[in-house]
Amino acid sequence: MNIADRIQNLRKMRGISQEELADKVGVSRQAVSKWESEQSSPDLDKIIIMSDYFEVTTDYILKGIEPPKQTGEENDNFIAGQILYIASTAFIVIGLLCAFGGWHAEQTAESIWGSMIIQIVGIVGYFIAKIISKAKAPFLVNYLNIIIILFMPISLFVGVVFNRMVAPYPTDIISTLFFGIAYSITLGLTFVVLRKLTR
């Protein structure tokens, strides 16, 4: 493992993007990208800033002499946070499925309130995980949470705009078609934006 790999590993362990590391160190995102792709090496003053930020020695960044420092408590918090991130996605999925079931059985707005509360529990769990682990959620967790949360609002929006039944899922061919278009655009835009934010 060389200096480029160590900088990238430290950044990913902290759960930050190249842009966020660049802000911490006082350089451009392109500079961090060049460090990680071995096109250039950071100056000594930047290595010192990174060693303080990542809580490792400059020897580790330069030569890999010692592993990154992480206390047992920090490690436990990181693991708990990762579990909570996954649990948040599970709650959001369960909430969506409950909304489908409640609507199918009763077709009233009141039938989906409970499912929305379950999704809110998932969202709260996500932010608690962020606080506990002090690290960003994995890309897949962020992506799934966003696209699942947006499923019902997009379906409701399509129902209102095209004078169809307002439901948490498409109920006829026309609403399914327009929902499919709107949701596909949302999937693509969400993917692109999240990729840029986590680079």
N, C-alpha and C. Protein backbone atom coordinates (compact mmCIF):
# COMPACT_ATOMS: atom_id res chain seq x y z
N MET A 1 0.85 -1.19 0.00
CA MET A 1 0.00 0.00 0.00
C MET A 1 0.89 1.25 0.00
N ASN A 2 0.60 2.18 -0.91
CA ASN A 2 1.40 3.40 -0.99
C ASN A 2 0.65 4.58 -0.38
N ILE A 3 1.25 5.77 -0.44
CA ILE A 3 0.66 6.95 0.18
C ILE A 3 -0.72 7.27 -0.40
N ALA A 4 -0.88 7.05 -1.72
CA ALA A 4 -2.18 7.32 -2.36
C ALA A 4 -3.25 6.41 -1.78
N ASP A 5 -2.92 5.13 -1.63
CA ASP A 5 -3.89 4.17 -1.06
C ASP A 5 -4.22 4.51 0.38
N ARG A 6 -3.19 4.91 1.15
CA ARG A 6 -3.44 5.22 2.56
C ARG A 6 -4.34 6.44 2.72
N ILE A 7 -4.12 7.46 1.90
CA ILE A 7 -4.98 8.65 1.97
C ILE A 7 -6.42 8.28 1.62
N GLN A 8 -6.57 7.49 0.56
CA GLN A 8 -7.92 7.08 0.15
C GLN A 8 -8.59 6.23 1.22
N ASN A 9 -7.84 5.29 1.82
CA ASN A 9 -8.40 4.44 2.88
C ASN A 9 -8.82 5.25 4.09
N LEU A 10 -7.97 6.19 4.50
CA LEU A 10 -8.30 7.03 5.65
C LEU A 10 -9.55 7.86 5.37
N ARG A 11 -9.63 8.39 4.16
CA ARG A 11 -10.80 9.20 3.78
C ARG A 11 -12.07 8.36 3.82
N LYS A 12 -12.00 7.15 3.26
CA LYS A 12 -13.18 6.28 3.22
C LYS A 12 -13.57 5.79 4.61
N MET A 13 -12.56 5.51 5.45
CA MET A 13 -12.86 5.11 6.83
C MET A 13 -13.58 6.22 7.58
N ARG A 14 -13.25 7.45 7.28
CA ARG A 14 -13.90 8.60 7.93
C ARG A 14 -15.26 8.86 7.28
N GLY A 15 -15.49 8.29 6.09
CA GLY A 15 -16.78 8.43 5.42
C GLY A 15 -17.00 9.79 4.80
N ILE A 16 -15.93 10.38 4.26
CA ILE A 16 -16.06 11.71 3.65
C ILE A 16 -15.69 11.64 2.17
N SER A 17 -16.15 12.61 1.42
CA SER A 17 -15.86 12.68 -0.02
C SER A 17 -14.52 13.36 -0.24
N GLN A 18 -14.03 13.29 -1.46
CA GLN A 18 -12.79 13.99 -1.82
C GLN A 18 -12.96 15.49 -1.60
N GLU A 19 -14.14 16.00 -1.91
CA GLU A 19 -14.39 17.44 -1.75
C GLU A 19 -14.33 17.85 -0.29
N GLU A 20 -14.88 17.00 0.59
CA GLU A 20 -14.85 17.32 2.02
C GLU A 20 -13.43 17.28 2.57
N LEU A 21 -12.64 16.29 2.12
CA LEU A 21 -11.24 16.24 2.55
C LEU A 21 -10.49 17.47 2.04
N ALA A 22 -10.76 17.85 0.81
CA ALA A 22 -10.11 19.04 0.24
C ALA A 22 -10.42 20.27 1.08
N ASP A 23 -11.68 20.42 1.54
CA ASP A 23 -12.05 21.55 2.39
C ASP A 23 -11.29 21.53 3.71
N LYS A 24 -11.15 20.34 4.29
CA LYS A 24 -10.45 20.22 5.58
C LYS A 24 -8.97 20.58 5.44
N VAL A 25 -8.38 20.19 4.31
CA VAL A 25 -6.94 20.37 4.13
C VAL A 25 -6.62 21.74 3.51
N GLY A 26 -7.59 22.33 2.82
CA GLY A 26 -7.37 23.63 2.20
C GLY A 26 -6.82 23.55 0.79
N VAL A 27 -7.29 22.54 0.04
CA VAL A 27 -6.88 22.39 -1.36
C VAL A 27 -8.12 22.15 -2.20
N SER A 28 -7.95 22.01 -3.51
CA SER A 28 -9.09 21.73 -4.39
C SER A 28 -9.38 20.23 -4.39
N ARG A 29 -10.61 19.88 -4.82
CA ARG A 29 -10.96 18.47 -4.92
C ARG A 29 -10.06 17.76 -5.93
N GLN A 30 -9.67 18.48 -6.98
CA GLN A 30 -8.80 17.90 -8.00
C GLN A 30 -7.44 17.52 -7.40
N ALA A 31 -6.97 18.31 -6.44
CA ALA A 31 -5.69 17.99 -5.80
C ALA A 31 -5.79 16.67 -5.04
N VAL A 32 -6.89 16.49 -4.30
CA VAL A 32 -7.09 15.24 -3.56
C VAL A 32 -7.21 14.08 -4.54
N SER A 33 -7.92 14.30 -5.64
CA SER A 33 -8.07 13.25 -6.66
C SER A 33 -6.70 12.85 -7.22
N LYS A 34 -5.84 13.84 -7.44
CA LYS A 34 -4.49 13.54 -7.96
C LYS A 34 -3.65 12.80 -6.94
N TRP A 35 -3.80 13.14 -5.64
CA TRP A 35 -3.07 12.41 -4.61
C TRP A 35 -3.47 10.94 -4.62
N GLU A 36 -4.80 10.70 -4.73
CA GLU A 36 -5.31 9.33 -4.63
C GLU A 36 -5.05 8.52 -5.90
N SER A 37 -4.80 9.19 -7.00
CA SER A 37 -4.50 8.47 -8.25
C SER A 37 -3.00 8.50 -8.58
N GLU A 38 -2.18 8.91 -7.61
CA GLU A 38 -0.72 8.93 -7.72
C GLU A 38 -0.20 9.88 -8.81
N GLN A 39 -0.99 10.87 -9.19
CA GLN A 39 -0.52 11.85 -10.16
C GLN A 39 0.35 12.92 -9.50
N SER A 40 0.15 13.09 -8.18
CA SER A 40 0.99 14.03 -7.42
C SER A 40 0.98 13.59 -5.96
N SER A 41 1.84 14.22 -5.15
CA SER A 41 1.91 13.92 -3.72
C SER A 41 1.63 15.19 -2.93
N PRO A 42 0.99 15.04 -1.76
CA PRO A 42 0.70 16.22 -0.96
C PRO A 42 1.97 16.82 -0.36
N ASP A 43 1.96 18.13 -0.15
CA ASP A 43 3.06 18.80 0.53
C ASP A 43 3.07 18.38 2.00
N LEU A 44 4.20 18.58 2.65
CA LEU A 44 4.36 18.16 4.04
C LEU A 44 3.34 18.84 4.96
N ASP A 45 3.06 20.13 4.73
CA ASP A 45 2.09 20.81 5.60
C ASP A 45 0.70 20.20 5.45
N LYS A 46 0.37 19.72 4.25
CA LYS A 46 -0.94 19.08 4.03
C LYS A 46 -0.97 17.71 4.70
N ILE A 47 0.16 17.02 4.71
CA ILE A 47 0.24 15.71 5.38
C ILE A 47 0.05 15.89 6.88
N ILE A 48 0.62 16.95 7.43
CA ILE A 48 0.47 17.22 8.86
C ILE A 48 -1.00 17.50 9.19
N ILE A 49 -1.67 18.30 8.35
CA ILE A 49 -3.09 18.59 8.58
C ILE A 49 -3.91 17.31 8.52
N MET A 50 -3.61 16.44 7.52
CA MET A 50 -4.34 15.18 7.39
C MET A 50 -4.08 14.26 8.58
N SER A 51 -2.82 14.24 9.07
CA SER A 51 -2.51 13.36 10.21
C SER A 51 -3.29 13.79 11.44
N ASP A 52 -3.43 15.11 11.65
CA ASP A 52 -4.24 15.60 12.77
C ASP A 52 -5.71 15.25 12.58
N TYR A 53 -6.21 15.46 11.36
CA TYR A 53 -7.62 15.22 11.08
C TYR A 53 -7.98 13.74 11.22
N PHE A 54 -7.13 12.86 10.66
CA PHE A 54 -7.41 11.42 10.70
C PHE A 54 -6.92 10.76 11.99
N GLU A 55 -6.23 11.53 12.84
CA GLU A 55 -5.71 11.03 14.11
C GLU A 55 -4.74 9.87 13.91
N VAL A 56 -3.82 10.07 12.96
CA VAL A 56 -2.73 9.12 12.72
C VAL A 56 -1.44 9.92 12.68
N THR A 57 -0.32 9.21 12.72
CA THR A 57 0.96 9.92 12.64
C THR A 57 1.28 10.23 11.18
N THR A 58 2.17 11.21 10.99
CA THR A 58 2.63 11.50 9.63
C THR A 58 3.40 10.30 9.07
N ASP A 59 4.06 9.54 9.94
CA ASP A 59 4.77 8.33 9.50
C ASP A 59 3.82 7.31 8.88
N TYR A 60 2.60 7.23 9.43
CA TYR A 60 1.65 6.29 8.85
C TYR A 60 1.27 6.72 7.43
N ILE A 61 0.98 8.02 7.27
CA ILE A 61 0.59 8.51 5.94
C ILE A 61 1.75 8.36 4.95
N LEU A 62 2.95 8.71 5.38
CA LEU A 62 4.11 8.69 4.48
C LEU A 62 4.63 7.28 4.21
N LYS A 63 4.74 6.47 5.29
CA LYS A 63 5.40 5.17 5.15
C LYS A 63 4.54 3.97 5.54
N GLY A 64 3.38 4.21 6.14
CA GLY A 64 2.53 3.10 6.57
C GLY A 64 3.06 2.39 7.79
N ILE A 65 3.81 3.10 8.64
CA ILE A 65 4.47 2.46 9.77
C ILE A 65 3.50 2.02 10.86
N GLU A 66 2.47 2.78 11.13
CA GLU A 66 1.54 2.38 12.17
C GLU A 66 0.11 2.42 11.64
N PRO A 67 -0.77 1.57 12.18
CA PRO A 67 -2.16 1.57 11.71
C PRO A 67 -2.92 2.79 12.22
N PRO A 68 -4.04 3.15 11.57
CA PRO A 68 -4.84 4.26 12.07
C PRO A 68 -5.30 3.99 13.49
N LYS A 69 -5.31 5.05 14.31
CA LYS A 69 -5.74 4.91 15.69
C LYS A 69 -7.26 4.87 15.75
N GLN A 70 -7.77 3.87 16.45
CA GLN A 70 -9.21 3.81 16.67
C GLN A 70 -9.45 3.08 17.98
N THR A 71 -10.07 3.75 18.93
CA THR A 71 -10.31 3.14 20.22
C THR A 71 -11.42 2.11 20.11
N GLY A 72 -11.51 1.27 21.13
CA GLY A 72 -12.56 0.25 21.13
C GLY A 72 -13.94 0.87 21.11
N GLU A 73 -14.11 1.98 21.85
CA GLU A 73 -15.40 2.65 21.89
C GLU A 73 -15.77 3.23 20.52
N GLU A 74 -14.80 3.84 19.83
CA GLU A 74 -15.07 4.39 18.49
C GLU A 74 -15.46 3.27 17.53
N ASN A 75 -14.77 2.14 17.65
CA ASN A 75 -15.06 0.99 16.78
C ASN A 75 -16.47 0.47 17.05
N ASP A 76 -16.85 0.37 18.34
CA ASP A 76 -18.20 -0.09 18.70
C ASP A 76 -19.25 0.88 18.16
N ASN A 77 -18.99 2.18 18.30
CA ASN A 77 -19.93 3.18 17.79
C ASN A 77 -20.06 3.09 16.27
N PHE A 78 -18.93 2.85 15.59
CA PHE A 78 -18.97 2.73 14.14
C PHE A 78 -19.84 1.54 13.73
N ILE A 79 -19.64 0.40 14.39
CA ILE A 79 -20.41 -0.82 14.07
C ILE A 79 -21.90 -0.59 14.36
N ALA A 80 -22.19 0.01 15.54
CA ALA A 80 -23.59 0.29 15.89
C ALA A 80 -24.23 1.22 14.86
N GLY A 81 -23.45 2.21 14.41
CA GLY A 81 -23.97 3.13 13.40
C GLY A 81 -24.28 2.42 12.09
N GLN A 82 -23.39 1.52 11.67
CA GLN A 82 -23.62 0.80 10.41
C GLN A 82 -24.86 -0.09 10.51
N ILE A 83 -25.06 -0.72 11.68
CA ILE A 83 -26.25 -1.55 11.87
C ILE A 83 -27.51 -0.68 11.82
N LEU A 84 -27.44 0.49 12.47
CA LEU A 84 -28.58 1.40 12.44
C LEU A 84 -28.88 1.90 11.03
N TYR A 85 -27.84 2.15 10.25
CA TYR A 85 -28.05 2.57 8.86
C TYR A 85 -28.87 1.51 8.11
N ILE A 86 -28.50 0.25 8.29
CA ILE A 86 -29.21 -0.84 7.60
C ILE A 86 -30.63 -0.97 8.15
N ALA A 87 -30.78 -0.85 9.49
CA ALA A 87 -32.11 -0.94 10.10
C ALA A 87 -33.01 0.19 9.60
N SER A 88 -32.43 1.38 9.39
CA SER A 88 -33.24 2.50 8.90
C SER A 88 -33.86 2.17 7.55
N THR A 89 -33.06 1.54 6.68
CA THR A 89 -33.58 1.15 5.37
C THR A 89 -34.69 0.12 5.51
N ALA A 90 -34.50 -0.83 6.45
CA ALA A 90 -35.52 -1.86 6.67
C ALA A 90 -36.84 -1.23 7.12
N PHE A 91 -36.77 -0.26 8.05
CA PHE A 91 -38.00 0.40 8.52
C PHE A 91 -38.68 1.16 7.38
N ILE A 92 -37.89 1.80 6.54
CA ILE A 92 -38.48 2.57 5.43
C ILE A 92 -39.17 1.62 4.44
N VAL A 93 -38.56 0.47 4.17
CA VAL A 93 -39.17 -0.53 3.28
C VAL A 93 -40.45 -1.07 3.91
N ILE A 94 -40.38 -1.43 5.20
CA ILE A 94 -41.56 -1.97 5.90
C ILE A 94 -42.70 -0.95 5.88
N GLY A 95 -42.37 0.33 6.11
CA GLY A 95 -43.39 1.37 6.06
C GLY A 95 -44.07 1.45 4.70
N LEU A 96 -43.28 1.34 3.64
CA LEU A 96 -43.84 1.39 2.28
C LEU A 96 -44.76 0.20 2.04
N LEU A 97 -44.32 -0.99 2.44
CA LEU A 97 -45.14 -2.19 2.25
C LEU A 97 -46.43 -2.12 3.08
N CYS A 98 -46.34 -1.57 4.29
CA CYS A 98 -47.54 -1.40 5.12
C CYS A 98 -48.51 -0.43 4.46
N ALA A 99 -47.98 0.62 3.84
CA ALA A 99 -48.84 1.58 3.14
C ALA A 99 -49.57 0.89 2.00
N PHE A 100 -48.86 0.04 1.25
CA PHE A 100 -49.51 -0.70 0.17
C PHE A 100 -50.64 -1.58 0.70
N GLY A 101 -50.33 -2.32 1.77
CA GLY A 101 -51.33 -3.23 2.35
C GLY A 101 -52.52 -2.47 2.92
N GLY A 102 -52.25 -1.39 3.66
CA GLY A 102 -53.34 -0.60 4.26
C GLY A 102 -54.23 0.02 3.20
N TRP A 103 -53.61 0.53 2.14
CA TRP A 103 -54.39 1.15 1.07
C TRP A 103 -55.21 0.11 0.32
N HIS A 104 -54.60 -1.03 0.06
CA HIS A 104 -55.30 -2.10 -0.67
C HIS A 104 -56.54 -2.56 0.12
N ALA A 105 -56.41 -2.61 1.45
CA ALA A 105 -57.52 -3.10 2.28
C ALA A 105 -58.62 -2.06 2.45
N GLU A 106 -58.26 -0.78 2.67
CA GLU A 106 -59.27 0.21 3.04
C GLU A 106 -59.42 1.38 2.07
N GLN A 107 -58.38 1.71 1.35
CA GLN A 107 -58.35 2.83 0.41
C GLN A 107 -58.81 4.14 1.06
N THR A 108 -58.23 4.42 2.22
CA THR A 108 -58.46 5.71 2.89
C THR A 108 -57.10 6.27 3.29
N ALA A 109 -57.03 7.61 3.41
CA ALA A 109 -55.78 8.26 3.80
C ALA A 109 -55.35 7.79 5.19
N GLU A 110 -56.34 7.56 6.08
CA GLU A 110 -56.02 7.13 7.43
C GLU A 110 -55.30 5.78 7.45
N SER A 111 -55.55 4.97 6.44
CA SER A 111 -54.95 3.63 6.42
C SER A 111 -53.45 3.66 6.17
N ILE A 112 -52.92 4.78 5.72
CA ILE A 112 -51.47 4.83 5.47
C ILE A 112 -50.70 5.68 6.49
N TRP A 113 -51.42 6.27 7.48
CA TRP A 113 -50.71 7.09 8.47
C TRP A 113 -49.72 6.26 9.29
N GLY A 114 -50.15 5.08 9.70
CA GLY A 114 -49.26 4.22 10.50
C GLY A 114 -47.99 3.86 9.75
N SER A 115 -48.14 3.61 8.46
CA SER A 115 -46.97 3.26 7.65
C SER A 115 -46.02 4.45 7.53
N MET A 116 -46.58 5.65 7.48
CA MET A 116 -45.72 6.84 7.41
C MET A 116 -44.95 7.03 8.71
N ILE A 117 -45.57 6.67 9.83
CA ILE A 117 -44.87 6.75 11.12
C ILE A 117 -43.70 5.76 11.14
N ILE A 118 -43.92 4.57 10.59
CA ILE A 118 -42.83 3.58 10.52
C ILE A 118 -41.68 4.14 9.69
N GLN A 119 -41.99 4.79 8.57
CA GLN A 119 -40.94 5.38 7.75
C GLN A 119 -40.22 6.51 8.49
N ILE A 120 -40.95 7.29 9.26
CA ILE A 120 -40.32 8.36 10.04
C ILE A 120 -39.36 7.77 11.08
N VAL A 121 -39.75 6.63 11.68
CA VAL A 121 -38.84 5.95 12.62
C VAL A 121 -37.55 5.57 11.89
N GLY A 122 -37.69 5.09 10.66
CA GLY A 122 -36.50 4.74 9.86
C GLY A 122 -35.63 5.95 9.59
N ILE A 123 -36.24 7.08 9.27
CA ILE A 123 -35.49 8.32 8.99
C ILE A 123 -34.77 8.79 10.25
N VAL A 124 -35.46 8.76 11.40
CA VAL A 124 -34.84 9.15 12.67
C VAL A 124 -33.66 8.22 12.97
N GLY A 125 -33.85 6.91 12.75
CA GLY A 125 -32.77 5.94 12.97
C GLY A 125 -31.56 6.26 12.11
N TYR A 126 -31.80 6.71 10.89
CA TYR A 126 -30.70 7.07 9.98
C TYR A 126 -29.86 8.19 10.59
N PHE A 127 -30.53 9.24 11.09
CA PHE A 127 -29.79 10.38 11.65
C PHE A 127 -29.12 10.04 12.98
N ILE A 128 -29.73 9.14 13.76
CA ILE A 128 -29.07 8.69 15.00
C ILE A 128 -27.79 7.94 14.64
N ALA A 129 -27.86 7.10 13.59
CA ALA A 129 -26.67 6.37 13.14
C ALA A 129 -25.57 7.33 12.72
N LYS A 130 -25.96 8.40 12.06
CA LYS A 130 -24.99 9.41 11.60
C LYS A 130 -24.27 10.05 12.79
N ILE A 131 -25.02 10.30 13.86
CA ILE A 131 -24.44 10.91 15.06
C ILE A 131 -23.55 9.91 15.80
N ILE A 132 -24.03 8.68 15.95
CA ILE A 132 -23.29 7.67 16.72
C ILE A 132 -21.97 7.30 16.04
N SER A 133 -22.04 6.99 14.74
CA SER A 133 -20.86 6.45 14.06
C SER A 133 -19.90 7.53 13.59
N LYS A 134 -20.38 8.79 13.50
CA LYS A 134 -19.57 9.89 12.98
C LYS A 134 -19.03 9.58 11.59
N ALA A 135 -19.76 8.78 10.84
CA ALA A 135 -19.37 8.42 9.48
C ALA A 135 -20.61 8.45 8.60
N LYS A 136 -20.41 8.70 7.33
CA LYS A 136 -21.52 8.71 6.39
C LYS A 136 -22.01 7.30 6.15
N ALA A 137 -23.28 7.22 5.77
CA ALA A 137 -23.85 5.92 5.40
C ALA A 137 -23.25 5.45 4.10
N PRO A 138 -23.18 4.13 3.89
CA PRO A 138 -22.74 3.63 2.60
C PRO A 138 -23.63 4.17 1.47
N PHE A 139 -23.07 4.27 0.29
CA PHE A 139 -23.79 4.81 -0.87
C PHE A 139 -25.12 4.08 -1.07
N LEU A 140 -25.10 2.73 -1.01
CA LEU A 140 -26.30 1.95 -1.27
C LEU A 140 -27.41 2.27 -0.28
N VAL A 141 -27.07 2.45 1.00
CA VAL A 141 -28.07 2.80 2.02
C VAL A 141 -28.69 4.16 1.70
N ASN A 142 -27.85 5.15 1.40
CA ASN A 142 -28.37 6.47 1.05
C ASN A 142 -29.31 6.39 -0.15
N TYR A 143 -28.86 5.68 -1.18
CA TYR A 143 -29.63 5.59 -2.42
C TYR A 143 -30.99 4.91 -2.18
N LEU A 144 -30.97 3.75 -1.51
CA LEU A 144 -32.21 3.03 -1.25
C LEU A 144 -33.17 3.85 -0.40
N ASN A 145 -32.64 4.48 0.66
CA ASN A 145 -33.51 5.28 1.53
C ASN A 145 -34.22 6.39 0.74
N ILE A 146 -33.47 7.09 -0.08
CA ILE A 146 -34.06 8.21 -0.82
C ILE A 146 -35.11 7.73 -1.82
N ILE A 147 -34.77 6.69 -2.60
CA ILE A 147 -35.73 6.27 -3.63
C ILE A 147 -36.96 5.59 -3.05
N ILE A 148 -36.81 4.94 -1.89
CA ILE A 148 -37.99 4.32 -1.26
C ILE A 148 -38.87 5.39 -0.64
N ILE A 149 -38.25 6.37 0.02
CA ILE A 149 -39.03 7.46 0.63
C ILE A 149 -39.80 8.24 -0.44
N LEU A 150 -39.20 8.41 -1.62
CA LEU A 150 -39.85 9.20 -2.68
C LEU A 150 -40.93 8.44 -3.44
N PHE A 151 -41.05 7.12 -3.24
CA PHE A 151 -42.01 6.32 -4.00
C PHE A 151 -43.44 6.84 -3.82
N MET A 152 -43.89 6.93 -2.55
CA MET A 152 -45.27 7.37 -2.30
C MET A 152 -45.53 8.81 -2.74
N PRO A 153 -44.66 9.78 -2.39
CA PRO A 153 -44.93 11.15 -2.85
C PRO A 153 -45.05 11.28 -4.37
N ILE A 154 -44.20 10.55 -5.11
CA ILE A 154 -44.28 10.62 -6.58
C ILE A 154 -45.59 10.02 -7.06
N SER A 155 -46.01 8.89 -6.48
CA SER A 155 -47.28 8.27 -6.86
C SER A 155 -48.46 9.20 -6.56
N LEU A 156 -48.43 9.82 -5.38
CA LEU A 156 -49.51 10.75 -5.02
C LEU A 156 -49.52 11.96 -5.95
N PHE A 157 -48.35 12.48 -6.28
CA PHE A 157 -48.22 13.63 -7.17
C PHE A 157 -48.79 13.30 -8.56
N VAL A 158 -48.43 12.13 -9.08
CA VAL A 158 -48.94 11.70 -10.40
C VAL A 158 -50.46 11.60 -10.37
N GLY A 159 -50.99 11.04 -9.28
CA GLY A 159 -52.45 10.92 -9.16
C GLY A 159 -53.15 12.26 -9.19
N VAL A 160 -52.59 13.25 -8.50
CA VAL A 160 -53.19 14.59 -8.46
C VAL A 160 -53.09 15.28 -9.82
N VAL A 161 -51.88 15.26 -10.40
CA VAL A 161 -51.64 15.98 -11.66
C VAL A 161 -52.47 15.41 -12.81
N PHE A 162 -52.61 14.09 -12.88
CA PHE A 162 -53.30 13.49 -14.03
C PHE A 162 -54.73 13.05 -13.69
N ASN A 163 -55.30 13.62 -12.62
CA ASN A 163 -56.68 13.33 -12.24
C ASN A 163 -56.98 11.85 -12.13
N ARG A 164 -56.06 11.13 -11.53
CA ARG A 164 -56.23 9.71 -11.28
C ARG A 164 -56.46 9.52 -9.79
N MET A 165 -56.73 8.27 -9.39
CA MET A 165 -56.89 7.99 -7.97
C MET A 165 -55.60 8.32 -7.23
N VAL A 166 -55.70 9.11 -6.17
CA VAL A 166 -54.52 9.48 -5.38
C VAL A 166 -54.25 8.32 -4.42
N ALA A 167 -53.17 7.59 -4.70
CA ALA A 167 -52.86 6.38 -3.94
C ALA A 167 -51.34 6.26 -3.76
N PRO A 168 -50.91 5.45 -2.78
CA PRO A 168 -49.46 5.31 -2.56
C PRO A 168 -48.75 4.50 -3.65
N TYR A 169 -49.50 3.94 -4.58
CA TYR A 169 -48.92 3.24 -5.72
C TYR A 169 -49.84 3.44 -6.92
N PRO A 170 -49.31 3.31 -8.14
CA PRO A 170 -50.16 3.52 -9.33
C PRO A 170 -51.31 2.52 -9.37
N THR A 171 -52.50 3.00 -9.76
CA THR A 171 -53.69 2.14 -9.72
C THR A 171 -54.27 1.80 -11.09
N ASP A 172 -53.78 2.45 -12.15
CA ASP A 172 -54.27 2.12 -13.48
C ASP A 172 -53.13 2.29 -14.49
N ILE A 173 -53.41 1.99 -15.75
CA ILE A 173 -52.36 2.00 -16.78
C ILE A 173 -51.78 3.39 -16.98
N ILE A 174 -52.64 4.41 -17.05
CA ILE A 174 -52.16 5.78 -17.29
C ILE A 174 -51.25 6.24 -16.15
N SER A 175 -51.72 6.08 -14.91
CA SER A 175 -50.92 6.53 -13.77
C SER A 175 -49.63 5.70 -13.66
N THR A 176 -49.70 4.41 -14.01
CA THR A 176 -48.49 3.57 -13.98
C THR A 176 -47.47 4.07 -14.99
N LEU A 177 -47.93 4.45 -16.17
CA LEU A 177 -47.04 4.95 -17.21
C LEU A 177 -46.34 6.24 -16.76
N PHE A 178 -47.14 7.21 -16.30
CA PHE A 178 -46.55 8.49 -15.89
C PHE A 178 -45.71 8.34 -14.62
N PHE A 179 -46.16 7.46 -13.72
CA PHE A 179 -45.36 7.19 -12.52
C PHE A 179 -44.01 6.58 -12.91
N GLY A 180 -44.05 5.62 -13.84
CA GLY A 180 -42.81 4.97 -14.29
C GLY A 180 -41.81 5.97 -14.86
N ILE A 181 -42.31 6.91 -15.65
CA ILE A 181 -41.43 7.94 -16.22
C ILE A 181 -40.84 8.82 -15.12
N ALA A 182 -41.74 9.34 -14.25
CA ALA A 182 -41.28 10.23 -13.17
C ALA A 182 -40.32 9.52 -12.23
N TYR A 183 -40.62 8.28 -11.88
CA TYR A 183 -39.78 7.54 -10.94
C TYR A 183 -38.44 7.18 -11.56
N SER A 184 -38.44 6.84 -12.85
CA SER A 184 -37.17 6.52 -13.53
C SER A 184 -36.25 7.74 -13.56
N ILE A 185 -36.83 8.90 -13.85
CA ILE A 185 -36.04 10.14 -13.85
C ILE A 185 -35.47 10.38 -12.44
N THR A 186 -36.31 10.17 -11.42
CA THR A 186 -35.86 10.35 -10.03
C THR A 186 -34.73 9.39 -9.69
N LEU A 187 -34.85 8.13 -10.10
CA LEU A 187 -33.79 7.14 -9.84
C LEU A 187 -32.47 7.59 -10.44
N GLY A 188 -32.52 8.04 -11.70
CA GLY A 188 -31.30 8.46 -12.38
C GLY A 188 -30.67 9.70 -11.75
N LEU A 189 -31.50 10.71 -11.49
CA LEU A 189 -30.98 11.95 -10.89
C LEU A 189 -30.40 11.70 -9.50
N THR A 190 -31.09 10.88 -8.70
CA THR A 190 -30.61 10.57 -7.35
C THR A 190 -29.26 9.87 -7.43
N PHE A 191 -29.13 8.92 -8.35
CA PHE A 191 -27.87 8.19 -8.49
C PHE A 191 -26.73 9.13 -8.85
N VAL A 192 -26.97 10.00 -9.83
CA VAL A 192 -25.92 10.92 -10.29
C VAL A 192 -25.51 11.88 -9.18
N VAL A 193 -26.50 12.47 -8.49
CA VAL A 193 -26.20 13.45 -7.42
C VAL A 193 -25.45 12.78 -6.27
N LEU A 194 -25.90 11.60 -5.85
CA LEU A 194 -25.23 10.91 -4.74
C LEU A 194 -23.81 10.50 -5.11
N ARG A 195 -23.62 10.07 -6.36
CA ARG A 195 -22.26 9.69 -6.81
C ARG A 195 -21.33 10.89 -6.74
N LYS A 196 -21.82 12.05 -7.17
CA LYS A 196 -20.98 13.24 -7.12
C LYS A 196 -20.66 13.64 -5.69
N LEU A 197 -21.63 13.48 -4.79
CA LEU A 197 -21.42 13.88 -3.40
C LEU A 197 -20.49 12.91 -2.65
N THR A 198 -20.42 11.66 -3.09
CA THR A 198 -19.60 10.68 -2.38
C THR A 198 -18.28 10.37 -3.06
N ARG A 199 -17.94 11.12 -4.11
CA ARG A 199 -16.65 10.89 -4.80
C ARG A 199 -15.49 11.32 -3.93
